[in-house]
Amino acid sequence: YGLKEAMLNKIVASLEIDQKANQKMVEKQLHRKTLILVLDEIDMMFKKSHGARSWFSTLISWADDKKMRFSMIGISNCVNYDNANLVRKLAHAPRELAFSAYTEEDILAILQARVGTRIIDLKALQLISRRVAA
């Protein structure tokens, strides 16, 4: 499967329609059923698939269509990368929310809360926090 087929299969499953549904059948269902698609690492779509531009444009047209009950949220850790700029261009200047990166202190607090210092020494957690935050 390519990217489009894999995503279309997930969308079909989420809409709970016939697994053999094609794109037109999905579009018809999106006039009746609501779907919010969350794409993490959206900029990576274009790195791995040559047909991604066309498929992404289809997804954008669905989100732009006021008759469809479809919304898309794209998440990217890379805001200045070429593929991130391509996402912006294809998505017609999407609304962006920029969040600052975790600080060393933030990462350390997360690690201490989730892992604790009984299993991993505090100095090791501090080293990890410094490296990840850098």
N, C-alpha and C. Protein backbone atom coordinates (compact mmCIF):
# COMPACT_ATOMS: atom_id res chain seq x y z
N TYR A 1 0.82 -1.20 0.00
CA TYR A 1 0.00 0.00 0.00
C TYR A 1 0.86 1.25 0.00
N GLY A 2 0.32 2.27 -0.65
CA GLY A 2 0.95 3.57 -0.58
C GLY A 2 0.32 4.38 0.53
N LEU A 3 0.81 5.56 0.70
CA LEU A 3 0.32 6.46 1.75
C LEU A 3 -1.18 6.72 1.61
N LYS A 4 -1.62 7.05 0.42
CA LYS A 4 -3.03 7.36 0.21
C LYS A 4 -3.91 6.17 0.57
N GLU A 5 -3.54 4.99 0.09
CA GLU A 5 -4.35 3.80 0.34
C GLU A 5 -4.40 3.48 1.82
N ALA A 6 -3.26 3.60 2.50
CA ALA A 6 -3.21 3.30 3.94
C ALA A 6 -4.09 4.27 4.72
N MET A 7 -3.99 5.56 4.38
CA MET A 7 -4.80 6.55 5.08
C MET A 7 -6.28 6.38 4.75
N LEU A 8 -6.58 6.11 3.50
CA LEU A 8 -7.97 5.91 3.09
C LEU A 8 -8.58 4.71 3.83
N ASN A 9 -7.79 3.65 4.00
CA ASN A 9 -8.28 2.49 4.76
C ASN A 9 -8.58 2.85 6.21
N LYS A 10 -7.74 3.67 6.81
CA LYS A 10 -7.98 4.11 8.21
C LYS A 10 -9.23 4.99 8.28
N ILE A 11 -9.39 5.85 7.29
CA ILE A 11 -10.56 6.73 7.26
C ILE A 11 -11.84 5.91 7.10
N VAL A 12 -11.80 4.94 6.20
CA VAL A 12 -12.94 4.05 5.96
C VAL A 12 -13.31 3.32 7.25
N ALA A 13 -12.30 2.82 7.96
CA ALA A 13 -12.55 2.11 9.21
C ALA A 13 -13.15 3.06 10.25
N SER A 14 -12.64 4.28 10.32
CA SER A 14 -13.16 5.26 11.29
C SER A 14 -14.60 5.65 11.00
N LEU A 15 -14.95 5.72 9.73
CA LEU A 15 -16.31 6.07 9.34
C LEU A 15 -17.25 4.88 9.43
N GLU A 16 -16.67 3.70 9.67
CA GLU A 16 -17.44 2.46 9.78
C GLU A 16 -18.28 2.20 8.53
N ILE A 17 -17.61 2.27 7.38
CA ILE A 17 -18.27 1.96 6.12
C ILE A 17 -17.57 0.78 5.47
N ASP A 18 -18.12 0.29 4.38
CA ASP A 18 -17.59 -0.88 3.68
C ASP A 18 -16.09 -0.73 3.42
N GLN A 19 -15.33 -1.75 3.80
CA GLN A 19 -13.88 -1.72 3.66
C GLN A 19 -13.42 -1.58 2.20
N LYS A 20 -14.31 -1.84 1.28
CA LYS A 20 -13.95 -1.73 -0.14
C LYS A 20 -14.33 -0.36 -0.70
N ALA A 21 -14.69 0.56 0.18
CA ALA A 21 -15.11 1.89 -0.26
C ALA A 21 -13.95 2.62 -0.92
N ASN A 22 -14.29 3.36 -1.97
CA ASN A 22 -13.28 4.16 -2.65
C ASN A 22 -13.39 5.62 -2.21
N GLN A 23 -12.58 6.46 -2.79
CA GLN A 23 -12.53 7.86 -2.39
C GLN A 23 -13.88 8.55 -2.54
N LYS A 24 -14.59 8.29 -3.61
CA LYS A 24 -15.90 8.92 -3.83
C LYS A 24 -16.90 8.51 -2.77
N MET A 25 -16.87 7.24 -2.38
CA MET A 25 -17.78 6.77 -1.34
C MET A 25 -17.46 7.42 0.01
N VAL A 26 -16.17 7.61 0.28
CA VAL A 26 -15.76 8.29 1.51
C VAL A 26 -16.26 9.73 1.49
N GLU A 27 -16.09 10.40 0.36
CA GLU A 27 -16.54 11.80 0.26
C GLU A 27 -18.05 11.90 0.51
N LYS A 28 -18.79 10.95 0.01
CA LYS A 28 -20.24 10.93 0.22
C LYS A 28 -20.55 10.78 1.70
N GLN A 29 -19.83 9.90 2.37
CA GLN A 29 -20.04 9.69 3.81
C GLN A 29 -19.67 10.92 4.63
N LEU A 30 -18.67 11.67 4.17
CA LEU A 30 -18.23 12.86 4.90
C LEU A 30 -19.25 13.99 4.84
N HIS A 31 -20.26 13.84 4.03
CA HIS A 31 -21.37 14.79 4.04
C HIS A 31 -22.35 14.46 5.17
N ARG A 32 -22.26 13.22 5.69
CA ARG A 32 -23.17 12.76 6.74
C ARG A 32 -22.50 12.54 8.09
N LYS A 33 -21.27 12.05 8.04
CA LYS A 33 -20.56 11.71 9.27
C LYS A 33 -19.39 12.66 9.49
N THR A 34 -19.12 12.95 10.75
CA THR A 34 -18.03 13.86 11.10
C THR A 34 -16.74 13.08 11.30
N LEU A 35 -15.66 13.62 10.78
CA LEU A 35 -14.35 13.02 10.97
C LEU A 35 -13.32 14.13 11.18
N ILE A 36 -12.56 14.00 12.24
CA ILE A 36 -11.43 14.89 12.48
C ILE A 36 -10.18 14.05 12.33
N LEU A 37 -9.37 14.39 11.35
CA LEU A 37 -8.14 13.66 11.06
C LEU A 37 -6.98 14.39 11.70
N VAL A 38 -6.23 13.68 12.53
CA VAL A 38 -5.04 14.25 13.17
C VAL A 38 -3.82 13.59 12.56
N LEU A 39 -2.98 14.39 11.93
CA LEU A 39 -1.77 13.88 11.29
C LEU A 39 -0.55 14.39 12.05
N ASP A 40 0.13 13.49 12.72
CA ASP A 40 1.36 13.84 13.42
C ASP A 40 2.52 13.75 12.43
N GLU A 41 3.49 14.63 12.61
CA GLU A 41 4.66 14.69 11.70
C GLU A 41 4.20 14.88 10.25
N ILE A 42 3.28 15.79 10.07
CA ILE A 42 2.66 16.00 8.76
C ILE A 42 3.68 16.35 7.68
N ASP A 43 4.73 17.06 8.05
CA ASP A 43 5.76 17.43 7.08
C ASP A 43 6.49 16.20 6.54
N MET A 44 6.48 15.10 7.29
CA MET A 44 7.17 13.89 6.85
C MET A 44 6.41 13.15 5.74
N MET A 45 5.14 13.49 5.56
CA MET A 45 4.36 12.88 4.47
C MET A 45 5.08 13.05 3.14
N PHE A 46 5.67 14.20 2.96
CA PHE A 46 6.26 14.53 1.66
C PHE A 46 7.65 13.95 1.49
N LYS A 47 8.23 13.50 2.55
CA LYS A 47 9.56 12.92 2.50
C LYS A 47 9.50 11.46 2.04
N LYS A 48 8.40 10.80 2.36
CA LYS A 48 8.31 9.36 2.14
C LYS A 48 7.46 8.95 0.95
N SER A 49 6.68 9.86 0.41
CA SER A 49 5.75 9.46 -0.64
C SER A 49 5.71 10.49 -1.76
N HIS A 50 5.82 10.00 -2.98
CA HIS A 50 5.78 10.89 -4.14
C HIS A 50 4.37 11.37 -4.44
N GLY A 51 3.35 10.59 -4.11
CA GLY A 51 1.98 10.98 -4.38
C GLY A 51 1.35 11.79 -3.25
N ALA A 52 2.17 12.15 -2.28
CA ALA A 52 1.64 12.82 -1.09
C ALA A 52 1.05 14.20 -1.40
N ARG A 53 1.64 14.93 -2.32
CA ARG A 53 1.12 16.27 -2.64
C ARG A 53 -0.32 16.19 -3.13
N SER A 54 -0.57 15.29 -4.03
CA SER A 54 -1.92 15.13 -4.58
C SER A 54 -2.90 14.71 -3.49
N TRP A 55 -2.51 13.73 -2.68
CA TRP A 55 -3.39 13.25 -1.61
C TRP A 55 -3.61 14.34 -0.57
N PHE A 56 -2.55 15.07 -0.20
CA PHE A 56 -2.68 16.15 0.77
C PHE A 56 -3.61 17.22 0.22
N SER A 57 -3.51 17.52 -1.05
CA SER A 57 -4.41 18.50 -1.67
C SER A 57 -5.86 18.03 -1.59
N THR A 58 -6.07 16.73 -1.74
CA THR A 58 -7.42 16.17 -1.60
C THR A 58 -7.93 16.38 -0.18
N LEU A 59 -7.09 16.09 0.80
CA LEU A 59 -7.49 16.27 2.20
C LEU A 59 -7.81 17.74 2.49
N ILE A 60 -7.01 18.64 1.95
CA ILE A 60 -7.24 20.08 2.14
C ILE A 60 -8.56 20.48 1.49
N SER A 61 -8.84 19.95 0.31
CA SER A 61 -10.10 20.30 -0.36
C SER A 61 -11.29 19.78 0.45
N TRP A 62 -11.15 18.62 1.09
CA TRP A 62 -12.21 18.12 1.95
C TRP A 62 -12.42 19.06 3.13
N ALA A 63 -11.32 19.50 3.73
CA ALA A 63 -11.42 20.40 4.90
C ALA A 63 -12.00 21.76 4.50
N ASP A 64 -11.71 22.20 3.28
CA ASP A 64 -12.22 23.49 2.80
C ASP A 64 -13.69 23.44 2.40
N ASP A 65 -14.17 22.25 2.07
CA ASP A 65 -15.55 22.08 1.61
C ASP A 65 -16.51 22.21 2.79
N LYS A 66 -17.28 23.27 2.82
CA LYS A 66 -18.19 23.55 3.93
C LYS A 66 -19.32 22.53 4.04
N LYS A 67 -19.58 21.78 2.97
CA LYS A 67 -20.64 20.76 3.01
C LYS A 67 -20.16 19.47 3.66
N MET A 68 -18.85 19.28 3.71
CA MET A 68 -18.29 18.08 4.32
C MET A 68 -18.06 18.31 5.80
N ARG A 69 -18.22 17.26 6.55
CA ARG A 69 -18.02 17.32 8.00
C ARG A 69 -16.64 16.75 8.31
N PHE A 70 -15.63 17.40 7.75
CA PHE A 70 -14.25 16.91 7.84
C PHE A 70 -13.34 18.05 8.27
N SER A 71 -12.53 17.77 9.26
CA SER A 71 -11.51 18.73 9.69
C SER A 71 -10.19 17.99 9.81
N MET A 72 -9.11 18.73 9.67
CA MET A 72 -7.79 18.13 9.74
C MET A 72 -6.90 18.97 10.64
N ILE A 73 -6.18 18.27 11.51
CA ILE A 73 -5.19 18.91 12.37
C ILE A 73 -3.85 18.28 12.01
N GLY A 74 -2.91 19.11 11.62
CA GLY A 74 -1.57 18.64 11.29
C GLY A 74 -0.59 19.05 12.37
N ILE A 75 0.25 18.12 12.78
CA ILE A 75 1.24 18.39 13.81
C ILE A 75 2.62 18.19 13.22
N SER A 76 3.49 19.16 13.48
CA SER A 76 4.86 19.07 12.97
C SER A 76 5.81 19.62 14.02
N ASN A 77 6.91 18.93 14.21
CA ASN A 77 7.94 19.42 15.12
C ASN A 77 8.91 20.35 14.41
N CYS A 78 8.82 20.40 13.11
CA CYS A 78 9.77 21.16 12.30
C CYS A 78 9.03 22.31 11.63
N VAL A 79 9.27 23.54 12.05
CA VAL A 79 8.53 24.64 11.47
C VAL A 79 9.29 25.38 10.38
N ASN A 80 10.56 25.19 10.25
CA ASN A 80 11.34 25.90 9.24
C ASN A 80 11.90 24.99 8.15
N TYR A 81 11.51 23.78 8.16
CA TYR A 81 12.00 22.78 7.21
C TYR A 81 11.27 22.94 5.87
N ASP A 82 11.92 22.55 4.78
CA ASP A 82 11.32 22.68 3.44
C ASP A 82 9.96 22.02 3.35
N ASN A 83 9.83 20.81 3.93
CA ASN A 83 8.55 20.11 3.86
C ASN A 83 7.48 20.82 4.67
N ALA A 84 7.86 21.45 5.78
CA ALA A 84 6.89 22.23 6.56
C ALA A 84 6.42 23.42 5.75
N ASN A 85 7.32 24.05 5.01
CA ASN A 85 6.93 25.17 4.15
C ASN A 85 6.01 24.70 3.03
N LEU A 86 6.25 23.50 2.53
CA LEU A 86 5.38 22.93 1.50
C LEU A 86 3.97 22.69 2.06
N VAL A 87 3.89 22.23 3.30
CA VAL A 87 2.59 22.04 3.95
C VAL A 87 1.84 23.37 4.00
N ARG A 88 2.54 24.42 4.41
CA ARG A 88 1.91 25.75 4.49
C ARG A 88 1.40 26.19 3.13
N LYS A 89 2.20 25.98 2.10
CA LYS A 89 1.83 26.40 0.74
C LYS A 89 0.60 25.64 0.25
N LEU A 90 0.61 24.34 0.41
CA LEU A 90 -0.50 23.52 -0.07
C LEU A 90 -1.77 23.71 0.75
N ALA A 91 -1.61 24.08 2.00
CA ALA A 91 -2.77 24.21 2.88
C ALA A 91 -3.36 25.62 2.88
N HIS A 92 -2.93 26.46 1.97
CA HIS A 92 -3.49 27.80 1.83
C HIS A 92 -3.37 28.60 3.13
N ALA A 93 -2.17 28.72 3.64
CA ALA A 93 -1.91 29.51 4.86
C ALA A 93 -2.78 29.05 6.02
N PRO A 94 -2.53 27.85 6.53
CA PRO A 94 -3.33 27.33 7.63
C PRO A 94 -3.11 28.12 8.92
N ARG A 95 -4.04 27.97 9.84
CA ARG A 95 -3.85 28.57 11.16
C ARG A 95 -2.77 27.78 11.88
N GLU A 96 -1.82 28.48 12.45
CA GLU A 96 -0.73 27.81 13.13
C GLU A 96 -0.67 28.21 14.59
N LEU A 97 -0.39 27.24 15.41
CA LEU A 97 -0.12 27.47 16.82
C LEU A 97 1.30 26.99 17.07
N ALA A 98 2.16 27.88 17.48
CA ALA A 98 3.55 27.51 17.76
C ALA A 98 3.73 27.37 19.26
N PHE A 99 4.26 26.23 19.66
CA PHE A 99 4.54 25.98 21.06
C PHE A 99 6.05 25.96 21.25
N SER A 100 6.51 26.54 22.32
CA SER A 100 7.94 26.55 22.57
C SER A 100 8.39 25.14 22.96
N ALA A 101 9.65 24.87 22.70
CA ALA A 101 10.22 23.56 23.01
C ALA A 101 10.34 23.38 24.52
N TYR A 102 10.36 22.13 24.95
CA TYR A 102 10.57 21.85 26.36
C TYR A 102 11.96 22.31 26.78
N THR A 103 12.05 22.86 27.97
CA THR A 103 13.35 23.24 28.53
C THR A 103 13.95 22.01 29.20
N GLU A 104 15.21 22.14 29.56
CA GLU A 104 15.88 21.07 30.29
C GLU A 104 15.12 20.74 31.59
N GLU A 105 14.65 21.78 32.26
CA GLU A 105 13.91 21.59 33.51
C GLU A 105 12.58 20.88 33.27
N ASP A 106 11.90 21.25 32.17
CA ASP A 106 10.63 20.58 31.83
C ASP A 106 10.84 19.09 31.61
N ILE A 107 11.86 18.77 30.83
CA ILE A 107 12.14 17.37 30.50
C ILE A 107 12.50 16.59 31.76
N LEU A 108 13.31 17.19 32.61
CA LEU A 108 13.70 16.53 33.86
C LEU A 108 12.46 16.26 34.73
N ALA A 109 11.58 17.23 34.82
CA ALA A 109 10.36 17.05 35.63
C ALA A 109 9.50 15.92 35.06
N ILE A 110 9.38 15.86 33.75
CA ILE A 110 8.60 14.79 33.11
C ILE A 110 9.23 13.43 33.40
N LEU A 111 10.55 13.33 33.22
CA LEU A 111 11.24 12.06 33.47
C LEU A 111 11.12 11.63 34.93
N GLN A 112 11.27 12.58 35.83
CA GLN A 112 11.16 12.24 37.26
C GLN A 112 9.75 11.77 37.60
N ALA A 113 8.75 12.40 37.01
CA ALA A 113 7.37 12.02 37.28
C ALA A 113 7.03 10.65 36.71
N ARG A 114 7.57 10.34 35.55
CA ARG A 114 7.19 9.10 34.87
C ARG A 114 8.11 7.92 35.18
N VAL A 115 9.40 8.20 35.35
CA VAL A 115 10.37 7.13 35.57
C VAL A 115 10.79 7.06 37.04
N GLY A 116 10.96 8.22 37.64
CA GLY A 116 11.42 8.26 39.02
C GLY A 116 12.92 8.09 39.10
N THR A 117 13.46 8.21 40.29
CA THR A 117 14.91 8.09 40.46
C THR A 117 15.31 6.78 41.13
N ARG A 118 14.34 5.90 41.37
CA ARG A 118 14.68 4.59 41.93
C ARG A 118 15.30 3.68 40.88
N ILE A 119 14.83 3.83 39.64
CA ILE A 119 15.32 2.96 38.56
C ILE A 119 16.54 3.58 37.88
N ILE A 120 16.47 4.86 37.62
CA ILE A 120 17.56 5.57 36.94
C ILE A 120 18.05 6.69 37.84
N ASP A 121 19.35 6.77 37.99
CA ASP A 121 19.98 7.78 38.83
C ASP A 121 19.62 9.19 38.36
N LEU A 122 19.46 10.10 39.31
CA LEU A 122 19.12 11.49 39.01
C LEU A 122 20.12 12.12 38.04
N LYS A 123 21.41 11.82 38.20
CA LYS A 123 22.43 12.40 37.31
C LYS A 123 22.23 11.93 35.87
N ALA A 124 21.80 10.69 35.71
CA ALA A 124 21.52 10.17 34.37
C ALA A 124 20.32 10.90 33.77
N LEU A 125 19.28 11.11 34.57
CA LEU A 125 18.11 11.84 34.09
C LEU A 125 18.47 13.28 33.72
N GLN A 126 19.34 13.89 34.50
CA GLN A 126 19.78 15.26 34.20
C GLN A 126 20.55 15.30 32.88
N LEU A 127 21.41 14.30 32.66
CA LEU A 127 22.16 14.23 31.41
C LEU A 127 21.21 14.06 30.22
N ILE A 128 20.25 13.17 30.35
CA ILE A 128 19.26 12.96 29.29
C ILE A 128 18.51 14.26 29.01
N SER A 129 18.11 14.95 30.06
CA SER A 129 17.36 16.20 29.92
C SER A 129 18.17 17.25 29.18
N ARG A 130 19.45 17.36 29.52
CA ARG A 130 20.32 18.34 28.83
C ARG A 130 20.46 18.00 27.34
N ARG A 131 20.66 16.72 27.05
CA ARG A 131 20.87 16.29 25.65
C ARG A 131 19.61 16.49 24.82
N VAL A 132 18.46 16.14 25.37
CA VAL A 132 17.22 16.24 24.62
C VAL A 132 16.84 17.71 24.41
N ALA A 133 17.09 18.54 25.41
CA ALA A 133 16.73 19.96 25.31
C ALA A 133 17.66 20.73 24.38
N ALA A 134 18.83 20.20 24.14
CA ALA A 134 19.83 20.93 23.32
C ALA A 134 19.44 21.01 21.86
